[in-house]
C-alpha cells in the first residue's frame, strides 16, 4: 500500500510538471509569438518621427506601422516597450505616426496606456 501511494504521488508530480511545461512562457502575447521589444526593432525607420512630431515620416516607417498597426494592442505594446523607451521614443508623439502616415484604417480612439491614438 505504501509503495502504491509513492507511485501515485510521483505520477501526480510528473503530471503537474508536464502541465506546467505546456502552460509556460511560450504563449502568444500582444504581438503573437514575437515580443513587443523584438517588433520595436522593426520600427527603426520611425525613430526620428517618433521623437519629433514635425519630422517627416518615411515610406518604410509607414509600411511597418501599417503592418504592426493591424493589431492595435501590438502597436501599443511596441510603442510603450522597453526598447522604444531606451531609444528615446516619446509615446505621445509615436502614437501620431499612423495619422501622419495617412493610414485610413488606423485604430482611432484606441486606448494605449495613458494615451489615446488620434
PDB file of N, CA and C in Angstrom:
ATOM      1  N   UNK A   1       0.834  -1.199   0.000  1.00  0.00           N
ATOM      2  CA  UNK A   1       0.000   0.000   0.000  1.00  0.00           C
ATOM      3  C   UNK A   1       0.871   1.252   0.000  1.00  0.00           C
ATOM      4  N   UNK A   2       1.942   1.215   0.807  1.00  0.00           N
ATOM      5  CA  UNK A   2       2.821   2.373   0.891  1.00  0.00           C
ATOM      6  C   UNK A   2       3.525   2.627  -0.438  1.00  0.00           C
ATOM      7  N   UNK A   3       3.914   1.563  -1.128  1.00  0.00           N
ATOM      8  CA  UNK A   3       4.590   1.742  -2.418  1.00  0.00           C
ATOM      9  C   UNK A   3       3.615   2.265  -3.472  1.00  0.00           C
ATOM     10  N   UNK A   4       2.360   1.868  -3.409  1.00  0.00           N
ATOM     11  CA  UNK A   4       1.354   2.382  -4.338  1.00  0.00           C
ATOM     12  C   UNK A   4       1.152   3.877  -4.119  1.00  0.00           C
ATOM     13  N   UNK A   5       1.154   4.300  -2.883  1.00  0.00           N
ATOM     14  CA  UNK A   5       0.989   5.720  -2.562  1.00  0.00           C
ATOM     15  C   UNK A   5       2.171   6.519  -3.096  1.00  0.00           C
ATOM     16  N   UNK A   6       3.378   5.998  -2.980  1.00  0.00           N
ATOM     17  CA  UNK A   6       4.567   6.673  -3.505  1.00  0.00           C
ATOM     18  C   UNK A   6       4.461   6.842  -5.013  1.00  0.00           C
ATOM     19  N   UNK A   7       4.022   5.789  -5.696  1.00  0.00           N
ATOM     20  CA  UNK A   7       3.871   5.864  -7.151  1.00  0.00           C
ATOM     21  C   UNK A   7       2.788   6.861  -7.558  1.00  0.00           C
ATOM     22  N   UNK A   8       1.726   6.908  -6.795  1.00  0.00           N
ATOM     23  CA  UNK A   8       0.644   7.863  -7.081  1.00  0.00           C
ATOM     24  C   UNK A   8       1.147   9.304  -6.916  1.00  0.00           C
ATOM     25  N   UNK A   9       1.920   9.536  -5.853  1.00  0.00           N
ATOM     26  CA  UNK A   9       2.475  10.872  -5.630  1.00  0.00           C
ATOM     27  C   UNK A   9       3.468  11.240  -6.730  1.00  0.00           C
ATOM     28  N   UNK A  10       4.291  10.279  -7.115  1.00  0.00           N
ATOM     29  CA  UNK A  10       5.257  10.520  -8.192  1.00  0.00           C
ATOM     30  C   UNK A  10       4.527  10.804  -9.501  1.00  0.00           C
ATOM     31  N   UNK A  11       3.489  10.034  -9.787  1.00  0.00           N
ATOM     32  CA  UNK A  11       2.707  10.242 -11.002  1.00  0.00           C
ATOM     33  C   UNK A  11       2.047  11.624 -10.994  1.00  0.00           C
ATOM     34  N   UNK A  12       1.483  12.009  -9.865  1.00  0.00           N
ATOM     35  CA  UNK A  12       0.856  13.333  -9.753  1.00  0.00           C
ATOM     36  C   UNK A  12       1.890  14.436  -9.972  1.00  0.00           C
ATOM     37  N   UNK A  13       3.067  14.257  -9.409  1.00  0.00           N
ATOM     38  CA  UNK A  13       4.136  15.249  -9.584  1.00  0.00           C
ATOM     39  C   UNK A  13       4.524  15.377 -11.061  1.00  0.00           C
ATOM     40  N   UNK A  14       4.680  14.251 -11.746  1.00  0.00           N
ATOM     41  CA  UNK A  14       5.059  14.257 -13.163  1.00  0.00           C
ATOM     42  C   UNK A  14       3.962  14.911 -14.004  1.00  0.00           C
ATOM     43  N   UNK A  15       2.722  14.627 -13.702  1.00  0.00           N
ATOM     44  CA  UNK A  15       1.605  15.228 -14.441  1.00  0.00           C
ATOM     45  C   UNK A  15       1.586  16.746 -14.240  1.00  0.00           C
ATOM     46  N   UNK A  16       1.742  17.193 -13.007  1.00  0.00           N
ATOM     47  CA  UNK A  16       1.757  18.631 -12.720  1.00  0.00           C
ATOM     48  C   UNK A  16       2.931  19.299 -13.418  1.00  0.00           C
ATOM     49  N   UNK A  17       4.081  18.658 -13.382  1.00  0.00           N
ATOM     50  CA  UNK A  17       5.266  19.198 -14.054  1.00  0.00           C
ATOM     51  C   UNK A  17       5.028  19.292 -15.560  1.00  0.00           C
ATOM     52  N   UNK A  18       4.423  18.278 -16.137  1.00  0.00           N
ATOM     53  CA  UNK A  18       4.132  18.281 -17.572  1.00  0.00           C
ATOM     54  C   UNK A  18       3.150  19.376 -17.956  1.00  0.00           C
ATOM     55  N   UNK A  19       2.107  19.543 -17.176  1.00  0.00           N
ATOM     56  CA  UNK A  19       1.124  20.594 -17.441  1.00  0.00           C
ATOM     57  C   UNK A  19       1.781  21.962 -17.345  1.00  0.00           C
ATOM     58  N   UNK A  20       2.640  22.121 -16.361  1.00  0.00           N
ATOM     59  CA  UNK A  20       3.346  23.389 -16.176  1.00  0.00           C
ATOM     60  C   UNK A  20       4.205  23.724 -17.387  1.00  0.00           C
ATOM     61  N   UNK A  21       4.821  22.723 -17.998  1.00  0.00           N
ATOM     62  CA  UNK A  21       5.661  22.951 -19.171  1.00  0.00           C
ATOM     63  C   UNK A  21       4.822  23.433 -20.355  1.00  0.00           C
ATOM     64  N   UNK A  22       3.630  22.894 -20.533  1.00  0.00           N
ATOM     65  CA  UNK A  22       2.776  23.290 -21.649  1.00  0.00           C
ATOM     66  C   UNK A  22       2.214  24.694 -21.471  1.00  0.00           C
ATOM     67  N   UNK A  23       2.026  25.129 -20.247  1.00  0.00           N
ATOM     68  CA  UNK A  23       1.470  26.450 -19.983  1.00  0.00           C
ATOM     69  C   UNK A  23       2.544  27.463 -19.640  1.00  0.00           C
ATOM     70  N   UNK A  24       3.743  27.218 -20.069  1.00  0.00           N
ATOM     71  CA  UNK A  24       4.878  28.073 -19.734  1.00  0.00           C
ATOM     72  C   UNK A  24       4.825  29.412 -20.434  1.00  0.00           C
ATOM     73  N   UNK A  25       5.944  30.067 -20.503  1.00  0.00           N
ATOM     74  CA  UNK A  25       6.051  31.412 -21.049  1.00  0.00           C
ATOM     75  C   UNK A  25       6.133  31.428 -22.567  1.00  0.00           C
ATOM     76  N   UNK A  26       5.687  30.369 -23.207  1.00  0.00           N
ATOM     77  CA  UNK A  26       5.777  30.287 -24.652  1.00  0.00           C
ATOM     78  C   UNK A  26       4.475  30.683 -25.337  1.00  0.00           C
ATOM     79  N   UNK A  27       3.507  31.184 -24.587  1.00  0.00           N
ATOM     80  CA  UNK A  27       2.231  31.568 -25.161  1.00  0.00           C
ATOM     81  C   UNK A  27       2.344  32.844 -25.972  1.00  0.00           C
ATOM     82  N   UNK A  28       1.326  33.116 -26.751  1.00  0.00           N
ATOM     83  CA  UNK A  28       1.310  34.311 -27.583  1.00  0.00           C
ATOM     84  C   UNK A  28       0.932  35.521 -26.742  1.00  0.00           C
ATOM     85  N   UNK A  29       1.593  36.635 -27.009  1.00  0.00           N
ATOM     86  CA  UNK A  29       1.303  37.880 -26.309  1.00  0.00           C
ATOM     87  C   UNK A  29       0.599  38.856 -27.229  1.00  0.00           C
ATOM     88  N   UNK A  30       0.771  40.141 -26.969  1.00  0.00           N
ATOM     89  CA  UNK A  30       0.110  41.173 -27.771  1.00  0.00           C
ATOM     90  C   UNK A  30       0.507  41.090 -29.240  1.00  0.00           C
ATOM     91  N   UNK A  31       1.733  40.672 -29.508  1.00  0.00           N
ATOM     92  CA  UNK A  31       2.257  40.619 -30.876  1.00  0.00           C
ATOM     93  C   UNK A  31       2.417  39.183 -31.363  1.00  0.00           C
ATOM     94  N   UNK A  32       1.573  38.301 -30.899  1.00  0.00           N
ATOM     95  CA  UNK A  32       1.677  36.904 -31.299  1.00  0.00           C
ATOM     96  C   UNK A  32       2.870  36.263 -30.625  1.00  0.00           C
ATOM     97  N   UNK A  33       3.639  35.515 -31.380  1.00  0.00           N
ATOM     98  CA  UNK A  33       4.793  34.817 -30.806  1.00  0.00           C
ATOM     99  C   UNK A  33       6.011  35.719 -30.686  1.00  0.00           C
ATOM    100  N   UNK A  34       5.966  36.882 -31.285  1.00  0.00           N
ATOM    101  CA  UNK A  34       7.078  37.833 -31.213  1.00  0.00           C
ATOM    102  C   UNK A  34       6.855  38.773 -30.031  1.00  0.00           C
ATOM    103  N   UNK A  35       7.922  39.197 -29.406  1.00  0.00           N
ATOM    104  CA  UNK A  35       7.793  40.110 -28.270  1.00  0.00           C
ATOM    105  C   UNK A  35       7.675  41.555 -28.774  1.00  0.00           C
ATOM    106  N   UNK A  36       7.036  42.436 -27.993  1.00  0.00           N
ATOM    107  CA  UNK A  36       6.970  43.849 -28.381  1.00  0.00           C
ATOM    108  C   UNK A  36       8.356  44.461 -28.571  1.00  0.00           C
ATOM    109  N   UNK A  37       9.331  44.033 -27.769  1.00  0.00           N
ATOM    110  CA  UNK A  37      10.686  44.561 -27.924  1.00  0.00           C
ATOM    111  C   UNK A  37      11.285  44.159 -29.268  1.00  0.00           C
ATOM    112  N   UNK A  38      11.026  42.931 -29.697  1.00  0.00           N
ATOM    113  CA  UNK A  38      11.532  42.479 -30.999  1.00  0.00           C
ATOM    114  C   UNK A  38      10.839  43.235 -32.133  1.00  0.00           C
ATOM    115  N   UNK A  39       9.543  43.446 -31.998  1.00  0.00           N
ATOM    116  CA  UNK A  39       8.800  44.196 -33.026  1.00  0.00           C
ATOM    117  C   UNK A  39       9.253  45.651 -33.077  1.00  0.00           C
ATOM    118  N   UNK A  40       9.672  46.194 -31.937  1.00  0.00           N
ATOM    119  CA  UNK A  40      10.121  47.591 -31.890  1.00  0.00           C
ATOM    120  C   UNK A  40      11.328  47.818 -32.791  1.00  0.00           C
ATOM    121  N   UNK A  41      12.190  46.811 -32.900  1.00  0.00           N
ATOM    122  CA  UNK A  41      13.362  46.950 -33.774  1.00  0.00           C
ATOM    123  C   UNK A  41      12.946  47.143 -35.224  1.00  0.00           C
ATOM    124  N   UNK A  42      11.790  46.609 -35.609  1.00  0.00           N
ATOM    125  CA  UNK A  42      11.309  46.741 -36.988  1.00  0.00           C
ATOM    126  C   UNK A  42      10.847  48.163 -37.279  1.00  0.00           C
ATOM    127  N   UNK A  43      10.662  48.954 -36.223  1.00  0.00           N
ATOM    128  CA  UNK A  43      10.236  50.344 -36.396  1.00  0.00           C
ATOM    129  C   UNK A  43      11.412  51.317 -36.335  1.00  0.00           C
ATOM    130  N   UNK A  44      12.615  50.811 -36.530  1.00  0.00           N
ATOM    131  CA  UNK A  44      13.812  51.673 -36.528  1.00  0.00           C
ATOM    132  C   UNK A  44      13.690  52.831 -37.522  1.00  0.00           C
ATOM    133  N   UNK A  45      13.085  52.628 -38.711  1.00  0.00           N
ATOM    134  CA  UNK A  45      12.951  53.754 -39.634  1.00  0.00           C
ATOM    135  C   UNK A  45      12.065  54.885 -39.099  1.00  0.00           C
ATOM    136  N   UNK A  46      11.367  54.623 -38.011  1.00  0.00           N
ATOM    137  CA  UNK A  46      10.449  55.610 -37.439  1.00  0.00           C
ATOM    138  C   UNK A  46      11.083  56.410 -36.298  1.00  0.00           C
ATOM    139  N   UNK A  47      12.349  56.164 -35.995  1.00  0.00           N
ATOM    140  CA  UNK A  47      12.970  56.751 -34.811  1.00  0.00           C
ATOM    141  C   UNK A  47      12.851  58.268 -34.771  1.00  0.00           C
ATOM    142  N   UNK A  48      13.205  58.947 -35.841  1.00  0.00           N
ATOM    143  CA  UNK A  48      13.154  60.416 -35.849  1.00  0.00           C
ATOM    144  C   UNK A  48      11.715  60.908 -35.743  1.00  0.00           C
ATOM    145  N   UNK A  49      10.817  60.255 -36.469  1.00  0.00           N
ATOM    146  CA  UNK A  49       9.408  60.662 -36.466  1.00  0.00           C
ATOM    147  C   UNK A  49       8.742  60.406 -35.117  1.00  0.00           C
ATOM    148  N   UNK A  50       9.281  59.483 -34.328  1.00  0.00           N
ATOM    149  CA  UNK A  50       8.701  59.164 -33.024  1.00  0.00           C
ATOM    150  C   UNK A  50       9.251  60.054 -31.919  1.00  0.00           C
ATOM    151  N   UNK A  51      10.213  60.898 -32.263  1.00  0.00           N
ATOM    152  CA  UNK A  51      10.786  61.822 -31.286  1.00  0.00           C
ATOM    153  C   UNK A  51      10.419  63.271 -31.575  1.00  0.00           C
ATOM    154  N   UNK A  52      10.048  63.556 -32.829  1.00  0.00           N
ATOM    155  CA  UNK A  52       9.748  64.926 -33.243  1.00  0.00           C
ATOM    156  C   UNK A  52       8.510  64.912 -34.125  1.00  0.00           C
ATOM    157  N   UNK A  53       7.450  65.530 -33.661  1.00  0.00           N
ATOM    158  CA  UNK A  53       6.199  65.499 -34.424  1.00  0.00           C
ATOM    159  C   UNK A  53       6.280  66.247 -35.743  1.00  0.00           C
ATOM    160  N   UNK A  54       7.322  67.062 -35.943  1.00  0.00           N
ATOM    161  CA  UNK A  54       7.483  67.785 -37.200  1.00  0.00           C
ATOM    162  C   UNK A  54       8.398  67.061 -38.178  1.00  0.00           C
ATOM    163  N   UNK A  55       9.007  65.957 -37.766  1.00  0.00           N
ATOM    164  CA  UNK A  55       9.898  65.196 -38.638  1.00  0.00           C
ATOM    165  C   UNK A  55       9.082  64.448 -39.691  1.00  0.00           C
ATOM    166  N   UNK A  56       9.663  64.322 -40.878  1.00  0.00           N
ATOM    167  CA  UNK A  56       8.995  63.582 -41.947  1.00  0.00           C
ATOM    168  C   UNK A  56       8.947  62.102 -41.585  1.00  0.00           C
ATOM    169  N   UNK A  57       7.878  61.435 -42.006  1.00  0.00           N
ATOM    170  CA  UNK A  57       7.711  60.004 -41.767  1.00  0.00           C
ATOM    171  C   UNK A  57       8.020  59.285 -43.077  1.00  0.00           C
ATOM    172  N   UNK A  58       9.002  58.389 -43.044  1.00  0.00           N
ATOM    173  CA  UNK A  58       9.409  57.695 -44.269  1.00  0.00           C
ATOM    174  C   UNK A  58       8.374  56.655 -44.708  1.00  0.00           C
ATOM    175  N   UNK A  59       8.438  56.295 -45.990  1.00  0.00           N
ATOM    176  CA  UNK A  59       7.537  55.264 -46.516  1.00  0.00           C
ATOM    177  C   UNK A  59       7.780  53.924 -45.829  1.00  0.00           C
ATOM    178  N   UNK A  60       9.043  53.626 -45.553  1.00  0.00           N
ATOM    179  CA  UNK A  60       9.378  52.365 -44.878  1.00  0.00           C
ATOM    180  C   UNK A  60       8.766  52.334 -43.471  1.00  0.00           C
ATOM    181  N   UNK A  61       8.824  53.466 -42.780  1.00  0.00           N
ATOM    182  CA  UNK A  61       8.214  53.566 -41.455  1.00  0.00           C
ATOM    183  C   UNK A  61       6.707  53.331 -41.561  1.00  0.00           C
ATOM    184  N   UNK A  62       6.080  53.999 -42.506  1.00  0.00           N
ATOM    185  CA  UNK A  62       4.619  53.876 -42.663  1.00  0.00           C
ATOM    186  C   UNK A  62       4.204  52.444 -42.975  1.00  0.00           C
ATOM    187  N   UNK A  63       4.978  51.755 -43.809  1.00  0.00           N
ATOM    188  CA  UNK A  63       4.603  50.378 -44.142  1.00  0.00           C
ATOM    189  C   UNK A  63       4.722  49.466 -42.919  1.00  0.00           C
ATOM    190  N   UNK A  64       5.746  49.685 -42.085  1.00  0.00           N
ATOM    191  CA  UNK A  64       5.889  48.882 -40.863  1.00  0.00           C
ATOM    192  C   UNK A  64       4.776  49.197 -39.864  1.00  0.00           C
ATOM    193  N   UNK A  65       4.459  50.476 -39.714  1.00  0.00           N
ATOM    194  CA  UNK A  65       3.388  50.872 -38.784  1.00  0.00           C
ATOM    195  C   UNK A  65       2.053  50.310 -39.252  1.00  0.00           C
ATOM    196  N   UNK A  66       1.822  50.325 -40.557  1.00  0.00           N
ATOM    197  CA  UNK A  66       0.569  49.780 -41.089  1.00  0.00           C
ATOM    198  C   UNK A  66       0.482  48.281 -40.808  1.00  0.00           C
ATOM    199  N   UNK A  67       1.602  47.574 -40.977  1.00  0.00           N
ATOM    200  CA  UNK A  67       1.613  46.130 -40.744  1.00  0.00           C
ATOM    201  C   UNK A  67       1.385  45.824 -39.262  1.00  0.00           C
ATOM    202  N   UNK A  68       2.148  46.471 -38.392  1.00  0.00           N
ATOM    203  CA  UNK A  68       2.014  46.211 -36.949  1.00  0.00           C
ATOM    204  C   UNK A  68       0.686  46.752 -36.428  1.00  0.00           C
ATOM    205  N   UNK A  69       0.229  47.866 -36.986  1.00  0.00           N
ATOM    206  CA  UNK A  69      -0.997  48.511 -36.538  1.00  0.00           C
ATOM    207  C   UNK A  69      -2.265  47.746 -36.841  1.00  0.00           C
ATOM    208  N   UNK A  70      -2.162  46.672 -37.624  1.00  0.00           N
ATOM    209  CA  UNK A  70      -3.348  45.846 -37.852  1.00  0.00           C
ATOM    210  C   UNK A  70      -3.787  45.181 -36.559  1.00  0.00           C
ATOM    211  N   UNK A  71      -2.868  45.115 -35.612  1.00  0.00           N
ATOM    212  CA  UNK A  71      -3.178  44.641 -34.264  1.00  0.00           C
ATOM    213  C   UNK A  71      -2.897  45.807 -33.315  1.00  0.00           C
ATOM    214  N   UNK A  72      -3.909  46.615 -32.983  1.00  0.00           N
ATOM    215  CA  UNK A  72      -3.688  47.802 -32.152  1.00  0.00           C
ATOM    216  C   UNK A  72      -3.013  47.510 -30.814  1.00  0.00           C
ATOM    217  N   UNK A  73      -3.301  46.367 -30.218  1.00  0.00           N
ATOM    218  CA  UNK A  73      -2.670  46.019 -28.941  1.00  0.00           C
ATOM    219  C   UNK A  73      -1.169  45.827 -29.111  1.00  0.00           C
ATOM    220  N   UNK A  74      -0.770  45.252 -30.236  1.00  0.00           N
ATOM    221  CA  UNK A  74       0.653  45.055 -30.515  1.00  0.00           C
ATOM    222  C   UNK A  74       1.320  46.406 -30.746  1.00  0.00           C
ATOM    223  N   UNK A  75       0.700  47.256 -31.558  1.00  0.00           N
ATOM    224  CA  UNK A  75       1.274  48.581 -31.831  1.00  0.00           C
ATOM    225  C   UNK A  75       1.457  49.354 -30.530  1.00  0.00           C
ATOM    226  N   UNK A  76       0.488  49.284 -29.670  1.00  0.00           N
ATOM    227  CA  UNK A  76       0.561  49.957 -28.374  1.00  0.00           C
ATOM    228  C   UNK A  76       1.707  49.391 -27.547  1.00  0.00           C
ATOM    229  N   UNK A  77       1.799  48.068 -27.477  1.00  0.00           N
ATOM    230  CA  UNK A  77       2.858  47.429 -26.701  1.00  0.00           C
ATOM    231  C   UNK A  77       4.235  47.780 -27.247  1.00  0.00           C
ATOM    232  N   UNK A  78       4.340  47.885 -28.563  1.00  0.00           N
ATOM    233  CA  UNK A  78       5.621  48.235 -29.189  1.00  0.00           C
ATOM    234  C   UNK A  78       5.998  49.673 -28.847  1.00  0.00           C
ATOM    235  N   UNK A  79       5.045  50.584 -28.974  1.00  0.00           N
ATOM    236  CA  UNK A  79       5.316  51.997 -28.701  1.00  0.00           C
ATOM    237  C   UNK A  79       5.688  52.244 -27.235  1.00  0.00           C
ATOM    238  N   UNK A  80       5.211  51.380 -26.332  1.00  0.00           N
ATOM    239  CA  UNK A  80       5.494  51.538 -24.905  1.00  0.00           C
ATOM    240  C   UNK A  80       6.546  50.547 -24.405  1.00  0.00           C
ATOM    241  N   UNK A  81       7.203  49.839 -25.322  1.00  0.00           N
ATOM    242  CA  UNK A  81       8.165  48.798 -24.940  1.00  0.00           C
ATOM    243  C   UNK A  81       9.445  49.392 -24.360  1.00  0.00           C
ATOM    244  N   UNK A  82      10.200  48.544 -23.687  1.00  0.00           N
ATOM    245  CA  UNK A  82      11.485  48.965 -23.131  1.00  0.00           C
ATOM    246  C   UNK A  82      12.450  49.391 -24.229  1.00  0.00           C
ATOM    247  N   UNK A  83      12.401  48.713 -25.366  1.00  0.00           N
ATOM    248  CA  UNK A  83      13.266  49.062 -26.493  1.00  0.00           C
ATOM    249  C   UNK A  83      12.947  50.467 -26.985  1.00  0.00           C
ATOM    250  N   UNK A  84      11.667  50.778 -27.119  1.00  0.00           N
ATOM    251  CA  UNK A  84      11.267  52.110 -27.570  1.00  0.00           C
ATOM    252  C   UNK A  84      11.681  53.171 -26.557  1.00  0.00           C
ATOM    253  N   UNK A  85      11.485  52.888 -25.280  1.00  0.00           N
ATOM    254  CA  UNK A  85      11.870  53.857 -24.237  1.00  0.00           C
ATOM    255  C   UNK A  85      13.367  54.113 -24.254  1.00  0.00           C
ATOM    256  N   UNK A  86      14.152  53.037 -24.371  1.00  0.00           N
ATOM    257  CA  UNK A  86      15.610  53.214 -24.353  1.00  0.00           C
ATOM    258  C   UNK A  86      16.117  53.907 -25.612  1.00  0.00           C
ATOM    259  N   UNK A  87      15.331  53.891 -26.686  1.00  0.00           N
ATOM    260  CA  UNK A  87      15.707  54.583 -27.918  1.00  0.00           C
ATOM    261  C   UNK A  87      15.288  56.050 -27.888  1.00  0.00           C
ATOM    262  N   UNK A  88      14.649  56.477 -26.812  1.00  0.00           N
ATOM    263  CA  UNK A  88      14.243  57.876 -26.689  1.00  0.00           C
ATOM    264  C   UNK A  88      12.925  58.194 -27.359  1.00  0.00           C
ATOM    265  N   UNK A  89      12.125  57.158 -27.639  1.00  0.00           N
ATOM    266  CA  UNK A  89      10.827  57.362 -28.286  1.00  0.00           C
ATOM    267  C   UNK A  89       9.872  58.030 -27.302  1.00  0.00           C
ATOM    268  N   UNK A  90       9.160  59.023 -27.781  1.00  0.00           N
ATOM    269  CA  UNK A  90       8.142  59.697 -26.972  1.00  0.00           C
ATOM    270  C   UNK A  90       6.784  59.108 -27.366  1.00  0.00           C
ATOM    271  N   UNK A  91       6.149  58.357 -26.466  1.00  0.00           N
ATOM    272  CA  UNK A  91       4.896  57.676 -26.820  1.00  0.00           C
ATOM    273  C   UNK A  91       3.828  58.616 -27.362  1.00  0.00           C
ATOM    274  N   UNK A  92       3.713  59.798 -26.770  1.00  0.00           N
ATOM    275  CA  UNK A  92       2.672  60.725 -27.221  1.00  0.00           C
ATOM    276  C   UNK A  92       2.902  61.182 -28.655  1.00  0.00           C
ATOM    277  N   UNK A  93       4.151  61.192 -29.109  1.00  0.00           N
ATOM    278  CA  UNK A  93       4.464  61.549 -30.499  1.00  0.00           C
ATOM    279  C   UNK A  93       4.411  60.307 -31.379  1.00  0.00           C
ATOM    280  N   UNK A  94       4.925  59.190 -30.892  1.00  0.00           N
ATOM    281  CA  UNK A  94       4.935  57.950 -31.676  1.00  0.00           C
ATOM    282  C   UNK A  94       3.522  57.529 -32.057  1.00  0.00           C
ATOM    283  N   UNK A  95       2.573  57.738 -31.169  1.00  0.00           N
ATOM    284  CA  UNK A  95       1.200  57.331 -31.453  1.00  0.00           C
ATOM    285  C   UNK A  95       0.525  58.192 -32.513  1.00  0.00           C
ATOM    286  N   UNK A  96       1.166  59.283 -32.926  1.00  0.00           N
ATOM    287  CA  UNK A  96       0.611  60.104 -34.008  1.00  0.00           C
ATOM    288  C   UNK A  96       1.079  59.620 -35.380  1.00  0.00           C
ATOM    289  N   UNK A  97       2.023  58.703 -35.415  1.00  0.00           N
ATOM    290  CA  UNK A  97       2.580  58.252 -36.699  1.00  0.00           C
ATOM    291  C   UNK A  97       1.518  57.637 -37.618  1.00  0.00           C
ATOM    292  N   UNK A  98       0.613  56.761 -37.144  1.00  0.00           N
ATOM    293  CA  UNK A  98      -0.398  56.231 -38.073  1.00  0.00           C
ATOM    294  C   UNK A  98      -1.201  57.341 -38.758  1.00  0.00           C
ATOM    295  N   UNK A  99      -1.540  58.383 -38.025  1.00  0.00           N
ATOM    296  CA  UNK A  99      -2.276  59.501 -38.621  1.00  0.00           C
ATOM    297  C   UNK A  99      -1.389  60.259 -39.603  1.00  0.00           C
ATOM    298  N   UNK A 100      -0.119  60.480 -39.238  1.00  0.00           N
ATOM    299  CA  UNK A 100       0.807  61.197 -40.109  1.00  0.00           C
ATOM    300  C   UNK A 100       1.120  60.403 -41.373  1.00  0.00           C
ATOM    301  N   UNK A 101       0.951  59.077 -41.315  1.00  0.00           N
ATOM    302  CA  UNK A 101       1.141  58.223 -42.496  1.00  0.00           C
ATOM    303  C   UNK A 101      -0.125  58.152 -43.349  1.00  0.00           C
ATOM    304  N   UNK A 102      -1.179  58.827 -42.915  1.00  0.00           N
ATOM    305  CA  UNK A 102      -2.474  58.802 -43.612  1.00  0.00           C
ATOM    306  C   UNK A 102      -3.028  57.384 -43.739  1.00  0.00           C
ATOM    307  N   UNK A 103      -2.854  56.595 -42.697  1.00  0.00           N
ATOM    308  CA  UNK A 103      -3.414  55.239 -42.683  1.00  0.00           C
ATOM    309  C   UNK A 103      -4.894  55.364 -42.365  1.00  0.00           C
ATOM    310  N   UNK A 104      -5.706  55.020 -43.341  1.00  0.00           N
ATOM    311  CA  UNK A 104      -7.150  55.228 -43.230  1.00  0.00           C
ATOM    312  C   UNK A 104      -7.773  54.323 -42.165  1.00  0.00           C
ATOM    313  N   UNK A 105      -7.359  53.065 -42.126  1.00  0.00           N
ATOM    314  CA  UNK A 105      -7.988  52.114 -41.203  1.00  0.00           C
ATOM    315  C   UNK A 105      -7.219  51.990 -39.888  1.00  0.00           C
ATOM    316  N   UNK A 106      -6.691  53.110 -39.408  1.00  0.00           N
ATOM    317  CA  UNK A 106      -5.962  53.103 -38.136  1.00  0.00           C
ATOM    318  C   UNK A 106      -6.959  53.033 -36.974  1.00  0.00           C
ATOM    319  N   UNK A 107      -6.513  52.549 -35.829  1.00  0.00           N
ATOM    320  CA  UNK A 107      -7.434  52.394 -34.688  1.00  0.00           C
ATOM    321  C   UNK A 107      -7.642  53.710 -33.936  1.00  0.00           C
ATOM    322  N   UNK A 108      -8.428  54.602 -34.495  1.00  0.00           N
ATOM    323  CA  UNK A 108      -8.693  55.911 -33.888  1.00  0.00           C
ATOM    324  C   UNK A 108      -9.388  55.718 -32.547  1.00  0.00           C
ATOM    325  N   UNK A 109      -8.888  56.393 -31.521  1.00  0.00           N
ATOM    326  CA  UNK A 109      -9.505  56.329 -30.201  1.00  0.00           C
ATOM    327  C   UNK A 109      -9.073  55.143 -29.364  1.00  0.00           C
ATOM    328  N   UNK A 110      -8.181  54.307 -29.886  1.00  0.00           N
ATOM    329  CA  UNK A 110      -7.716  53.139 -29.128  1.00  0.00           C
ATOM    330  C   UNK A 110      -6.903  53.611 -27.936  1.00  0.00           C
ATOM    331  N   UNK A 111      -7.240  53.118 -26.759  1.00  0.00           N
ATOM    332  CA  UNK A 111      -6.515  53.492 -25.536  1.00  0.00           C
ATOM    333  C   UNK A 111      -5.209  52.716 -25.473  1.00  0.00           C
ATOM    334  N   UNK A 112      -4.137  53.449 -25.302  1.00  0.00           N
ATOM    335  CA  UNK A 112      -2.798  52.858 -25.251  1.00  0.00           C
ATOM    336  C   UNK A 112      -2.126  53.385 -23.989  1.00  0.00           C
ATOM    337  N   UNK A 113      -2.278  52.662 -22.890  1.00  0.00           N
ATOM    338  CA  UNK A 113      -1.766  53.152 -21.620  1.00  0.00           C
ATOM    339  C   UNK A 113      -2.500  54.433 -21.249  1.00  0.00           C
ATOM    340  N   UNK A 114      -1.757  55.481 -20.991  1.00  0.00           N
ATOM    341  CA  UNK A 114      -2.356  56.770 -20.638  1.00  0.00           C
ATOM    342  C   UNK A 114      -2.661  57.601 -21.879  1.00  0.00           C
ATOM    343  N   UNK A 115      -2.401  57.035 -23.059  1.00  0.00           N
ATOM    344  CA  UNK A 115      -2.530  57.781 -24.318  1.00  0.00           C
ATOM    345  C   UNK A 115      -3.682  57.215 -25.147  1.00  0.00           C
ATOM    346  N   UNK A 116      -4.180  58.038 -26.063  1.00  0.00           N
ATOM    347  CA  UNK A 116      -5.229  57.630 -26.996  1.00  0.00           C
ATOM    348  C   UNK A 116      -4.721  57.884 -28.405  1.00  0.00           C
ATOM    349  N   UNK A 117      -4.901  56.898 -29.268  1.00  0.00           N
ATOM    350  CA  UNK A 117      -4.481  57.073 -30.658  1.00  0.00           C
ATOM    351  C   UNK A 117      -5.363  58.122 -31.331  1.00  0.00           C
ATOM    352  N   UNK A 118      -4.729  59.104 -31.992  1.00  0.00           N
ATOM    353  CA  UNK A 118      -5.516  60.140 -32.665  1.00  0.00           C
ATOM    354  C   UNK A 118      -6.108  59.646 -33.968  1.00  0.00           C
TER     355      UNK A 118
END
